[in-house]
Amino acid sequence: MRWRGVPLDVLLAASGVGLDLLTTAHAGDTAYLPAAMNIPMALLVGLPMGLVRRWPLAVTLYLAVFLVLSDQLGSYTSNTAQILICVALGVVGFRVPWRPAMAGVGATVLATAVNIADPGIAMTGNTWMYSVLLPVFPTVLGAYLRSSAERLEERDVTPDALLAAGGVAITVLSTWTSWHSGALPVWVIGLLAVVGGLSLGVARRLPGLVLLLQGVLLIAADTYLNDAVNTCLILTLIAIGVFSMRAASWAWTGAAYLTGCLLTAIAVVGDGTEITPLRVGVLMTLVATPIAIGRYLGMRQAAAAAERLRAEESARLAVAQVRADQLAERERIARDVHDIVAHHVGAMVLRASAARYTAPDGPVADALSDIRETGHQVLQDLRDLLDLLRDPDRGPDLLANPADVVRESAERMAAAGLVVHLDLDPASDRAPLIARASAARIVQEGLTNVLKHAGPGTRVRVTVAPAQEGLSIEIRNGRPPTVIERLPSSGRGLAGMRERVRALGGTLSAGPDGDGGWLLLASLPARSAA
């Protein structure tokens, strides 16, 4: 636990001790304990609350044992232990998994039954039901808060903590002196006071349920403990204000207003109270005030949420505009590249076509024809790339079967002077299209590299075969037959092949084969890597 949480632990411990000192302030000697033991007993029951955030289950079990012992000793501190153990169970439900939490609930049920039972009186069904429901309720409430906190848009629990702390302060400080004067046991009244105050901590999440609970407590106080009516009325008005802030329509707000007027009338109108228009107006104004404040805060929150949505929409529009600008820039660059390259390639094709007519037959004519066809193919590929850059979401069209591309590349390189032996396994056609298309590009680039660096007359063996639900490509060339003048190279061919293979999740290796030649191996999986 971080040090910044220590003040809260100290406050919890001090609150537990202070609560017991308030409830036992007028207590005297008992059959087993003198009045001087009130302070040590308060320390024993209150100080463990400083550890309830770190070890809630251990604190609950300790308070269960302490409740039984203090009840057997006849100490008034048992009332405080009964209240604090319910608070600890709420923390258990919030922080502890349900299976270990059942141990704390079971121990509390037994301790509560011992505390309720009087010597010589048998336990009844109602007594057992009360003993079970009393520990289960705070545990379920804590578990609900743990599960619902993840679904809330507002993750800040500071307002909830302030409401809960303020509610407990109001109920305890304004009613503790009259807990002994009611018809119910002291610990029951004290527990209801603490629960009534703590319930404000969940008012923002469960406004209707909290308003109903406060209304029930107000009616119960009007019936059994008149000294606590004003305090319950204050909590009810706060719950009405929070309900109005969270209400989705004016109809629910009107229902809350009528409910508040009815509950306020029950609290302030007695048998001898004279009903006048002025008093009715004051009562209606009193209830309208928290509703007006709640509606104002609710509209402020709605306006802030709408402003956040507008800011997020503006950000999305800005990103879309940037994307559109990028696409426009890509298209402009693509046009420039197309114009520059197409100009030179077109001029090359025209010159090759013109030269073709001067040499109608022979190897030179075949080479010129190949140059012309290759140029036409380059221009078509440039147009396809330009279309792809204009619309990135559109996939490139498949111009030819990858197997045909491999065979055409082998034939073209053979016409250029390489001695190519192609071993293309027919089973390769069952591989995924992306793998076959990538294999075709690798074969094209690999044969081009052999022609560049080894020259005509070099023997090359190309093998494309299925392997492990993918494809394996092997391009092996022998020693160059003569010393040749190497053609210019950008050095990006091998790097481009590695990038293509890596994108598919495959592997590629290239290097000397030990016999003066060169070996390129590539493995393409059936599915691309994530």
Protein backbone atom coordinates (compact mmCIF):
# COMPACT_ATOMS: atom_id res chain seq x y z
CA MET A 1 0.00 0.00 0.00
CA ARG A 2 1.35 3.41 -0.89
CA TRP A 3 2.19 5.98 1.74
CA ARG A 4 -0.29 8.45 0.33
CA GLY A 5 -3.09 6.19 1.65
CA VAL A 6 -1.87 6.28 5.26
CA PRO A 7 -3.90 9.40 6.22
CA LEU A 8 -7.09 7.60 5.17
CA ASP A 9 -6.15 4.56 7.28
CA VAL A 10 -5.46 6.82 10.27
CA LEU A 11 -8.83 8.51 9.72
CA LEU A 12 -10.61 5.14 9.63
CA ALA A 13 -8.94 4.02 12.85
CA ALA A 14 -9.72 7.32 14.58
CA SER A 15 -13.32 7.17 13.38
CA GLY A 16 -13.75 3.65 14.78
CA VAL A 17 -12.34 4.65 18.15
CA GLY A 18 -14.38 7.87 18.22
CA LEU A 19 -17.59 6.05 17.37
CA ASP A 20 -17.16 3.68 20.30
CA LEU A 21 -16.33 6.50 22.69
CA LEU A 22 -19.53 8.28 21.63
CA THR A 23 -21.70 5.19 22.12
CA THR A 24 -20.16 4.26 25.49
CA ALA A 25 -19.86 7.78 26.90
CA HIS A 26 -22.68 7.19 29.39
CA ALA A 27 -21.85 3.53 30.09
CA GLY A 28 -20.85 2.56 33.60
CA ASP A 29 -19.55 -0.60 35.20
CA THR A 30 -20.71 -4.00 33.99
CA ALA A 31 -20.65 -7.37 35.68
CA TYR A 32 -17.21 -8.13 34.23
CA LEU A 33 -15.69 -4.79 33.19
CA PRO A 34 -15.32 -1.51 35.09
CA ALA A 35 -16.04 1.82 33.39
CA ALA A 36 -12.30 2.48 33.20
CA MET A 37 -12.05 -0.22 30.52
CA ASN A 38 -14.18 1.76 28.07
CA ILE A 39 -11.17 3.50 26.53
CA PRO A 40 -9.06 0.31 26.09
CA MET A 41 -12.10 -1.44 24.61
CA ALA A 42 -12.60 1.48 22.21
CA LEU A 43 -8.99 1.16 21.08
CA LEU A 44 -9.34 -2.59 20.60
CA VAL A 45 -12.45 -2.26 18.44
CA GLY A 46 -11.53 0.91 16.51
CA LEU A 47 -7.82 0.71 15.74
CA PRO A 48 -8.11 -2.38 13.47
CA MET A 49 -10.19 -0.27 11.08
CA GLY A 50 -6.92 1.36 10.03
CA LEU A 51 -6.00 -1.98 8.41
CA VAL A 52 -9.35 -2.67 6.76
CA ARG A 53 -8.21 -1.44 3.33
CA ARG A 54 -5.16 -3.72 3.35
CA TRP A 55 -6.53 -6.82 5.08
CA PRO A 56 -10.35 -6.51 5.07
CA LEU A 57 -11.00 -10.23 5.60
CA ALA A 58 -8.62 -10.47 8.57
CA VAL A 59 -10.18 -7.37 10.16
CA THR A 60 -13.66 -8.85 9.65
CA LEU A 61 -12.71 -12.13 11.34
CA TYR A 62 -11.09 -10.20 14.21
CA LEU A 63 -14.20 -8.07 14.73
CA ALA A 64 -16.38 -11.22 14.68
CA VAL A 65 -14.34 -12.74 17.49
CA PHE A 66 -14.26 -9.42 19.36
CA LEU A 67 -18.04 -9.10 19.00
CA VAL A 68 -18.60 -12.45 20.65
CA LEU A 69 -16.14 -11.71 23.48
CA SER A 70 -17.49 -8.22 24.18
CA ASP A 71 -21.07 -9.55 24.15
CA GLN A 72 -20.16 -12.26 26.67
CA LEU A 73 -18.47 -9.64 28.86
CA GLY A 74 -21.55 -7.44 28.72
CA SER A 75 -19.58 -4.53 27.25
CA TYR A 76 -21.39 -1.77 25.38
CA THR A 77 -18.53 -1.90 22.87
CA SER A 78 -20.33 -4.84 21.26
CA ASN A 79 -22.69 -2.28 19.68
CA THR A 80 -19.74 -0.56 18.02
CA ALA A 81 -18.28 -3.90 16.93
CA GLN A 82 -21.59 -4.82 15.30
CA ILE A 83 -21.55 -1.55 13.33
CA LEU A 84 -17.89 -1.70 12.29
CA ILE A 85 -18.05 -5.33 11.21
CA CYS A 86 -20.71 -4.39 8.64
CA VAL A 87 -18.42 -1.63 7.31
CA ALA A 88 -15.56 -4.14 7.08
CA LEU A 89 -17.81 -6.57 5.20
CA GLY A 90 -18.53 -3.86 2.65
CA VAL A 91 -14.78 -3.55 2.02
CA VAL A 92 -14.52 -7.36 1.83
CA GLY A 93 -17.19 -7.45 -0.86
CA PHE A 94 -15.39 -4.71 -2.77
CA ARG A 95 -11.86 -6.15 -2.65
CA VAL A 96 -11.97 -9.87 -1.83
CA PRO A 97 -13.07 -12.68 -4.22
CA TRP A 98 -16.40 -14.20 -3.34
CA ARG A 99 -15.12 -17.54 -2.04
CA PRO A 100 -12.82 -16.11 0.66
CA ALA A 101 -15.47 -13.45 1.38
CA MET A 102 -17.92 -16.22 2.37
CA ALA A 103 -15.66 -17.03 5.34
CA GLY A 104 -16.07 -13.50 6.65
CA VAL A 105 -19.82 -13.57 6.04
CA GLY A 106 -20.19 -16.89 7.86
CA ALA A 107 -18.18 -15.71 10.87
CA THR A 108 -20.23 -12.52 11.02
CA VAL A 109 -23.52 -14.44 10.85
CA LEU A 110 -22.52 -16.55 13.86
CA ALA A 111 -21.22 -13.56 15.81
CA THR A 112 -24.38 -11.56 15.07
CA ALA A 113 -26.57 -14.46 16.19
CA VAL A 114 -24.65 -14.66 19.47
CA ASN A 115 -25.01 -10.92 19.94
CA ILE A 116 -28.76 -10.93 19.29
CA ALA A 117 -29.57 -14.01 21.37
CA ASP A 118 -30.33 -13.52 25.06
CA PRO A 119 -29.36 -16.15 27.66
CA GLY A 120 -32.06 -18.75 28.06
CA ILE A 121 -34.01 -17.69 24.95
CA ALA A 122 -34.08 -19.97 21.90
CA MET A 123 -33.15 -18.64 18.46
CA THR A 124 -36.19 -18.17 16.21
CA GLY A 125 -36.45 -18.17 12.43
CA ASN A 126 -36.75 -14.39 12.33
CA THR A 127 -33.65 -14.03 14.46
CA TRP A 128 -31.63 -16.23 12.16
CA MET A 129 -32.95 -14.39 9.10
CA TYR A 130 -31.91 -11.07 10.62
CA SER A 131 -28.50 -12.52 11.50
CA VAL A 132 -27.99 -13.64 7.90
CA LEU A 133 -29.32 -10.60 6.07
CA LEU A 134 -27.40 -8.12 8.20
CA PRO A 135 -23.90 -9.34 7.05
CA VAL A 136 -24.98 -10.25 3.51
CA PHE A 137 -26.30 -6.79 2.60
CA PRO A 138 -23.01 -4.81 2.95
CA THR A 139 -21.06 -7.64 1.29
CA VAL A 140 -23.35 -7.66 -1.73
CA LEU A 141 -23.25 -3.86 -1.88
CA GLY A 142 -19.44 -3.89 -1.93
CA ALA A 143 -19.36 -6.56 -4.64
CA TYR A 144 -21.82 -4.55 -6.71
CA LEU A 145 -19.68 -1.44 -6.47
CA ARG A 146 -16.63 -3.44 -7.58
CA SER A 147 -18.42 -4.79 -10.65
CA SER A 148 -20.21 -1.55 -11.56
CA ALA A 149 -17.19 0.73 -11.13
CA GLU A 150 -15.74 -0.62 -14.39
CA ARG A 151 -18.89 0.30 -16.31
CA LEU A 152 -19.02 3.91 -15.13
CA GLU A 153 -17.74 6.62 -17.41
CA GLU A 154 -16.82 8.73 -14.37
CA ARG A 155 -13.92 6.90 -12.74
CA ASP A 156 -13.29 9.58 -10.11
CA VAL A 157 -14.73 8.36 -6.77
CA THR A 158 -13.86 11.54 -4.87
CA PRO A 159 -17.45 12.91 -4.98
CA ASP A 160 -18.76 9.53 -3.78
CA ALA A 161 -16.28 9.48 -0.89
CA LEU A 162 -17.19 13.05 0.10
CA LEU A 163 -20.91 12.26 0.03
CA ALA A 164 -20.42 9.13 2.14
CA ALA A 165 -18.16 10.89 4.65
CA GLY A 166 -20.51 13.85 4.93
CA GLY A 167 -23.52 11.58 5.34
CA VAL A 168 -21.90 9.59 8.16
CA ALA A 169 -20.74 12.77 9.89
CA ILE A 170 -24.25 14.25 9.76
CA THR A 171 -26.01 11.12 11.03
CA VAL A 172 -23.58 10.18 13.80
CA LEU A 173 -22.82 13.64 15.19
CA SER A 174 -26.46 14.75 15.20
CA THR A 175 -28.07 11.59 16.59
CA TRP A 176 -25.60 9.74 18.81
CA THR A 177 -26.85 11.36 22.02
CA SER A 178 -30.35 9.93 21.44
CA TRP A 179 -29.41 6.37 20.51
CA HIS A 180 -30.19 5.19 24.04
CA SER A 181 -33.66 6.73 24.08
CA GLY A 182 -35.14 4.72 21.22
CA ALA A 183 -37.16 1.54 21.39
CA LEU A 184 -34.56 -0.35 19.33
CA PRO A 185 -31.16 -1.55 20.63
CA VAL A 186 -28.35 0.98 20.54
CA TRP A 187 -26.31 -0.89 17.99
CA VAL A 188 -29.30 -1.19 15.64
CA ILE A 189 -29.89 2.56 15.67
CA GLY A 190 -26.18 3.23 15.28
CA LEU A 191 -25.92 0.82 12.37
CA LEU A 192 -28.89 2.41 10.62
CA ALA A 193 -27.31 5.82 11.10
CA VAL A 194 -24.01 4.69 9.61
CA VAL A 195 -25.71 2.85 6.72
CA GLY A 196 -27.93 5.85 6.01
CA GLY A 197 -24.90 8.10 5.78
CA LEU A 198 -22.78 5.67 3.76
CA SER A 199 -25.59 5.14 1.26
CA LEU A 200 -24.99 8.64 -0.07
CA GLY A 201 -21.69 7.32 -1.41
CA VAL A 202 -23.58 5.30 -4.04
CA ALA A 203 -26.28 7.91 -4.71
CA ARG A 204 -24.72 8.91 -8.03
CA ARG A 205 -24.76 5.30 -9.21
CA LEU A 206 -28.03 4.13 -7.66
CA PRO A 207 -30.03 7.36 -7.18
CA GLY A 208 -33.45 5.71 -7.12
CA LEU A 209 -32.47 3.01 -4.64
CA VAL A 210 -30.76 5.50 -2.31
CA LEU A 211 -33.79 7.83 -2.41
CA LEU A 212 -36.04 4.88 -1.51
CA LEU A 213 -33.74 3.89 1.36
CA GLN A 214 -33.65 7.41 2.75
CA GLY A 215 -37.42 7.61 2.56
CA VAL A 216 -37.76 4.36 4.53
CA LEU A 217 -35.30 5.57 7.16
CA LEU A 218 -37.17 8.88 7.45
CA ILE A 219 -40.49 7.13 8.04
CA ALA A 220 -38.85 4.73 10.54
CA ALA A 221 -37.28 7.64 12.42
CA ASP A 222 -40.62 9.46 12.51
CA THR A 223 -42.15 6.34 14.07
CA TYR A 224 -39.43 5.10 16.46
CA LEU A 225 -36.91 7.93 17.05
CA ASN A 226 -38.24 11.47 16.64
CA ASP A 227 -34.89 13.02 17.57
CA ALA A 228 -33.39 11.71 14.31
CA VAL A 229 -36.16 12.96 11.99
CA ASN A 230 -34.42 16.21 11.06
CA THR A 231 -31.21 14.37 10.23
CA CYS A 232 -33.04 11.85 8.05
CA LEU A 233 -34.85 14.74 6.32
CA ILE A 234 -31.51 16.36 5.42
CA LEU A 235 -30.24 13.09 3.94
CA THR A 236 -33.48 12.65 2.01
CA LEU A 237 -33.19 16.13 0.49
CA ILE A 238 -29.59 15.39 -0.54
CA ALA A 239 -30.72 12.13 -2.17
CA ILE A 240 -33.46 14.01 -4.02
CA GLY A 241 -30.89 16.51 -5.33
CA VAL A 242 -28.61 13.73 -6.58
CA PHE A 243 -31.57 11.94 -8.14
CA SER A 244 -32.56 15.12 -10.00
CA MET A 245 -29.00 15.48 -11.26
CA ARG A 246 -28.99 11.96 -12.66
CA ALA A 247 -32.62 11.82 -13.85
CA ALA A 248 -33.04 11.50 -17.58
CA SER A 249 -36.40 13.28 -17.92
CA TRP A 250 -38.54 15.92 -16.27
CA ALA A 251 -41.19 13.28 -15.54
CA TRP A 252 -38.85 11.50 -13.13
CA THR A 253 -37.85 14.85 -11.66
CA GLY A 254 -41.52 15.66 -11.03
CA ALA A 255 -42.02 12.28 -9.36
CA ALA A 256 -39.01 12.95 -7.12
CA TYR A 257 -40.43 16.37 -6.24
CA LEU A 258 -43.81 14.95 -5.24
CA THR A 259 -42.09 12.20 -3.23
CA GLY A 260 -39.93 14.79 -1.48
CA CYS A 261 -42.94 16.94 -0.61
CA LEU A 262 -44.76 13.91 0.81
CA LEU A 263 -41.79 12.77 2.90
CA THR A 264 -41.11 16.30 4.14
CA ALA A 265 -44.75 16.68 5.14
CA ILE A 266 -44.56 13.42 7.09
CA ALA A 267 -41.47 14.67 8.90
CA VAL A 268 -42.53 18.22 9.79
CA VAL A 269 -46.31 18.01 10.11
CA GLY A 270 -47.49 16.72 13.46
CA ASP A 271 -50.88 16.24 15.10
CA GLY A 272 -50.99 19.82 16.38
CA THR A 273 -49.33 21.51 13.40
CA GLU A 274 -51.41 24.25 11.78
CA ILE A 275 -51.30 24.07 7.98
CA THR A 276 -51.17 27.50 6.36
CA PRO A 277 -50.43 28.60 2.77
CA LEU A 278 -47.16 30.15 3.92
CA ARG A 279 -45.97 26.91 5.49
CA VAL A 280 -47.01 24.93 2.42
CA GLY A 281 -45.07 27.36 0.21
CA VAL A 282 -42.01 27.10 2.45
CA LEU A 283 -42.21 23.29 2.35
CA MET A 284 -42.54 23.22 -1.42
CA THR A 285 -39.66 25.69 -1.79
CA LEU A 286 -37.55 23.62 0.58
CA VAL A 287 -37.97 20.54 -1.62
CA ALA A 288 -37.57 22.51 -4.87
CA THR A 289 -34.17 23.88 -3.82
CA PRO A 290 -32.16 20.60 -4.01
CA ILE A 291 -34.04 19.68 -7.20
CA ALA A 292 -33.05 22.98 -8.82
CA ILE A 293 -29.45 22.51 -7.76
CA GLY A 294 -29.43 18.93 -9.04
CA ARG A 295 -30.90 19.87 -12.40
CA TYR A 296 -28.37 22.69 -12.78
CA LEU A 297 -25.46 20.36 -12.05
CA GLY A 298 -26.92 17.75 -14.38
CA MET A 299 -27.17 20.26 -17.23
CA ARG A 300 -23.60 21.38 -16.56
CA GLN A 301 -22.42 17.78 -16.80
CA ALA A 302 -24.41 17.22 -19.99
CA ALA A 303 -22.93 20.37 -21.51
CA ALA A 304 -19.42 19.25 -20.56
CA ALA A 305 -20.06 15.81 -22.07
CA ALA A 306 -21.37 17.42 -25.28
CA GLU A 307 -18.27 19.62 -25.43
CA ARG A 308 -16.04 16.57 -25.07
CA LEU A 309 -17.92 14.87 -27.90
CA ARG A 310 -17.50 17.93 -30.09
CA ALA A 311 -13.78 18.02 -29.32
CA GLU A 312 -13.43 14.32 -30.16
CA GLU A 313 -15.37 14.80 -33.40
CA SER A 314 -13.17 17.76 -34.31
CA ALA A 315 -10.09 15.62 -33.67
CA ARG A 316 -11.47 12.87 -35.89
CA LEU A 317 -12.22 15.36 -38.65
CA ALA A 318 -8.70 16.77 -38.35
CA VAL A 319 -7.23 13.28 -38.66
CA ALA A 320 -9.44 12.60 -41.68
CA GLN A 321 -8.29 15.85 -43.28
CA VAL A 322 -4.66 14.95 -42.69
CA ARG A 323 -5.31 11.55 -44.23
CA ALA A 324 -6.93 13.15 -47.26
CA ASP A 325 -3.97 15.52 -47.65
CA GLN A 326 -1.58 12.59 -47.44
CA LEU A 327 -3.50 10.67 -50.08
CA ALA A 328 -3.52 13.73 -52.36
CA GLU A 329 0.24 14.11 -51.88
CA ARG A 330 0.79 10.41 -52.60
CA GLU A 331 -1.24 10.71 -55.79
CA ARG A 332 0.76 13.77 -56.87
CA ILE A 333 4.05 11.95 -56.25
CA ALA A 334 2.76 8.90 -58.09
CA ARG A 335 1.84 11.05 -61.08
CA ASP A 336 5.30 12.61 -61.12
CA VAL A 337 6.98 9.20 -60.90
CA HIS A 338 4.73 7.86 -63.63
CA ASP A 339 5.42 10.81 -65.93
CA ILE A 340 9.20 10.65 -65.45
CA VAL A 341 9.62 6.87 -65.71
CA ALA A 342 6.99 6.45 -68.40
CA HIS A 343 8.72 9.08 -70.53
CA HIS A 344 12.07 7.28 -70.50
CA VAL A 345 10.63 3.79 -70.80
CA GLY A 346 8.36 4.93 -73.64
CA ALA A 347 11.34 6.40 -75.46
CA MET A 348 13.23 3.12 -74.92
CA VAL A 349 10.31 1.12 -76.34
CA LEU A 350 10.04 3.37 -79.38
CA ARG A 351 13.76 3.08 -80.12
CA ALA A 352 13.63 -0.69 -79.71
CA SER A 353 10.63 -0.88 -82.03
CA ALA A 354 12.38 1.26 -84.64
CA ALA A 355 15.56 -0.83 -84.38
CA ARG A 356 13.48 -4.01 -84.68
CA TYR A 357 12.58 -3.15 -88.30
CA THR A 358 16.24 -2.70 -89.25
CA ALA A 359 17.09 -6.21 -88.02
CA PRO A 360 14.11 -8.39 -88.87
CA ASP A 361 15.83 -11.73 -87.98
CA GLY A 362 18.46 -13.10 -85.64
CA PRO A 363 19.37 -12.82 -81.94
CA VAL A 364 19.46 -9.03 -82.08
CA ALA A 365 15.87 -8.93 -83.34
CA ASP A 366 14.79 -11.29 -80.52
CA ALA A 367 16.51 -9.09 -77.93
CA LEU A 368 14.84 -5.97 -79.35
CA SER A 369 11.44 -7.69 -79.26
CA ASP A 370 12.01 -8.68 -75.64
CA ILE A 371 12.98 -5.08 -74.77
CA ARG A 372 9.81 -3.80 -76.43
CA GLU A 373 7.54 -6.30 -74.63
CA THR A 374 9.27 -5.68 -71.30
CA GLY A 375 8.82 -1.94 -71.73
CA HIS A 376 5.12 -2.37 -72.43
CA GLN A 377 4.82 -4.50 -69.29
CA VAL A 378 6.67 -1.87 -67.23
CA LEU A 379 4.28 0.84 -68.42
CA GLN A 380 1.28 -1.33 -67.50
CA ASP A 381 2.72 -1.99 -64.05
CA LEU A 382 3.25 1.75 -63.54
CA ARG A 383 -0.39 2.43 -64.40
CA ASP A 384 -1.52 -0.26 -61.93
CA LEU A 385 0.66 1.21 -59.18
CA LEU A 386 -0.74 4.66 -59.90
CA ASP A 387 -4.30 3.31 -59.57
CA LEU A 388 -3.36 1.62 -56.28
CA LEU A 389 -1.92 4.85 -54.86
CA ARG A 390 -5.06 6.71 -55.86
CA ASP A 391 -7.23 4.20 -53.97
CA PRO A 392 -5.26 2.38 -51.23
CA ASP A 393 -8.34 0.42 -50.12
CA ARG A 394 -8.61 -1.28 -53.50
CA GLY A 395 -6.46 -4.34 -53.84
CA PRO A 396 -4.25 -4.68 -56.93
CA ASP A 397 -5.68 -6.67 -59.81
CA LEU A 398 -4.12 -10.03 -60.53
CA LEU A 399 -2.71 -9.61 -64.02
CA ALA A 400 -1.56 -13.20 -64.46
CA ASN A 401 -1.32 -16.55 -62.75
CA PRO A 402 1.77 -16.55 -60.47
CA ALA A 403 2.91 -19.83 -62.03
CA ASP A 404 2.74 -18.24 -65.47
CA VAL A 405 4.73 -15.28 -64.16
CA VAL A 406 7.44 -17.66 -62.93
CA ARG A 407 7.60 -19.47 -66.29
CA GLU A 408 7.65 -16.19 -68.21
CA SER A 409 10.49 -14.89 -66.05
CA ALA A 410 12.50 -18.07 -66.63
CA GLU A 411 11.93 -17.85 -70.39
CA ARG A 412 12.86 -14.17 -70.49
CA MET A 413 16.08 -14.74 -68.56
CA ALA A 414 16.87 -17.71 -70.82
CA ALA A 415 16.41 -15.44 -73.82
CA ALA A 416 18.78 -12.97 -72.19
CA GLY A 417 21.53 -15.61 -71.98
CA LEU A 418 21.08 -17.49 -68.71
CA VAL A 419 20.86 -21.28 -68.72
CA VAL A 420 17.73 -21.69 -66.60
CA HIS A 421 16.40 -24.97 -65.29
CA LEU A 422 12.93 -24.47 -63.74
CA ASP A 423 11.50 -27.03 -61.33
CA LEU A 424 7.97 -25.82 -60.57
CA ASP A 425 6.00 -28.36 -58.51
CA PRO A 426 2.33 -28.49 -59.68
CA ALA A 427 1.29 -28.91 -56.04
CA SER A 428 2.39 -25.32 -55.47
CA ASP A 429 -0.90 -24.15 -56.97
CA ARG A 430 -2.64 -25.24 -53.75
CA ALA A 431 -0.73 -22.67 -51.71
CA PRO A 432 -2.44 -19.36 -50.82
CA LEU A 433 -2.48 -16.74 -53.55
CA ILE A 434 -0.44 -14.23 -51.53
CA ALA A 435 2.33 -16.78 -51.05
CA ARG A 436 2.36 -17.73 -54.75
CA ALA A 437 2.37 -14.08 -55.87
CA SER A 438 5.26 -13.30 -53.50
CA ALA A 439 7.15 -16.36 -54.74
CA ALA A 440 6.75 -15.14 -58.33
CA ARG A 441 8.19 -11.73 -57.43
CA ILE A 442 11.09 -13.35 -55.59
CA VAL A 443 11.90 -15.53 -58.61
CA GLN A 444 11.78 -12.48 -60.89
CA GLU A 445 14.11 -10.48 -58.66
CA GLY A 446 16.42 -13.45 -58.03
CA LEU A 447 16.89 -14.21 -61.74
CA THR A 448 17.45 -10.51 -62.46
CA ASN A 449 20.19 -10.43 -59.81
CA VAL A 450 21.87 -13.50 -61.39
CA LEU A 451 21.88 -11.80 -64.77
CA LYS A 452 23.27 -8.60 -63.28
CA HIS A 453 26.04 -10.12 -61.18
CA ALA A 454 26.93 -13.41 -62.95
CA GLY A 455 26.14 -12.54 -66.56
CA PRO A 456 24.95 -14.55 -69.58
CA GLY A 457 25.94 -18.19 -69.78
CA THR A 458 25.51 -18.80 -66.06
CA ARG A 459 23.58 -21.91 -65.11
CA VAL A 460 20.65 -21.30 -62.74
CA ARG A 461 18.35 -23.80 -61.09
CA VAL A 462 15.00 -22.49 -59.78
CA THR A 463 12.93 -24.72 -57.51
CA VAL A 464 9.45 -23.80 -56.21
CA ALA A 465 7.77 -26.47 -54.10
CA PRO A 466 5.25 -26.73 -51.25
CA ALA A 467 6.68 -27.03 -47.73
CA GLN A 468 4.89 -27.04 -44.37
CA GLU A 469 1.60 -25.66 -45.75
CA GLY A 470 3.54 -22.89 -47.51
CA LEU A 471 6.11 -22.52 -50.26
CA SER A 472 9.88 -22.88 -50.44
CA ILE A 473 11.91 -21.11 -53.13
CA GLU A 474 15.47 -22.03 -54.03
CA ILE A 475 17.53 -20.15 -56.66
CA ARG A 476 21.03 -21.56 -57.12
CA ASN A 477 23.44 -20.34 -59.78
CA GLY A 478 26.85 -21.71 -60.64
CA ARG A 479 30.16 -19.97 -61.13
CA PRO A 480 30.11 -17.22 -63.82
CA PRO A 481 31.63 -18.63 -67.05
CA THR A 482 33.76 -15.52 -67.73
CA VAL A 483 34.69 -12.25 -66.13
CA ILE A 484 31.88 -9.83 -66.93
CA GLU A 485 31.21 -6.15 -66.53
CA ARG A 486 28.58 -5.90 -63.81
CA LEU A 487 25.45 -3.97 -64.60
CA PRO A 488 24.50 -1.00 -62.34
CA SER A 489 22.49 -2.00 -59.27
CA SER A 490 20.70 0.01 -56.56
CA GLY A 491 21.38 -2.63 -53.91
CA ARG A 492 17.70 -2.68 -52.95
CA GLY A 493 16.73 -5.94 -54.66
CA LEU A 494 17.78 -8.27 -51.85
CA ALA A 495 16.53 -5.85 -49.19
CA GLY A 496 13.15 -5.68 -50.95
CA MET A 497 12.89 -9.46 -51.02
CA ARG A 498 13.71 -9.66 -47.31
CA GLU A 499 11.04 -7.08 -46.53
CA ARG A 500 8.45 -8.94 -48.58
CA VAL A 501 9.25 -12.28 -46.91
CA ARG A 502 9.31 -10.73 -43.43
CA ALA A 503 5.88 -9.18 -44.02
CA LEU A 504 4.51 -12.68 -44.62
CA GLY A 505 6.26 -14.12 -41.57
CA GLY A 506 8.75 -16.17 -43.59
CA THR A 507 12.52 -16.41 -43.77
CA LEU A 508 15.08 -15.59 -46.45
CA SER A 509 18.80 -16.29 -46.68
CA ALA A 510 21.27 -15.47 -49.45
CA GLY A 511 25.00 -16.00 -49.83
CA PRO A 512 27.80 -17.95 -51.54
CA ASP A 513 27.21 -21.68 -51.88
CA GLY A 514 30.86 -22.64 -51.39
CA ASP A 515 31.42 -23.69 -55.03
CA GLY A 516 31.83 -20.22 -56.48
CA GLY A 517 28.13 -19.71 -57.04
CA TRP A 518 25.27 -18.11 -55.13
CA LEU A 519 22.33 -19.60 -53.25
CA LEU A 520 19.06 -17.88 -52.32
CA LEU A 521 16.58 -19.70 -50.08
CA ALA A 522 13.14 -18.37 -49.08
CA SER A 523 10.34 -19.94 -47.06
CA LEU A 524 6.82 -18.49 -47.16
CA PRO A 525 4.18 -19.69 -44.66
CA ALA A 526 0.60 -20.38 -45.59
CA ARG A 527 -0.65 -17.48 -43.46
CA SER A 528 0.93 -14.08 -43.08
CA ALA A 529 2.25 -13.01 -39.70
CA ALA A 530 0.07 -10.77 -37.48
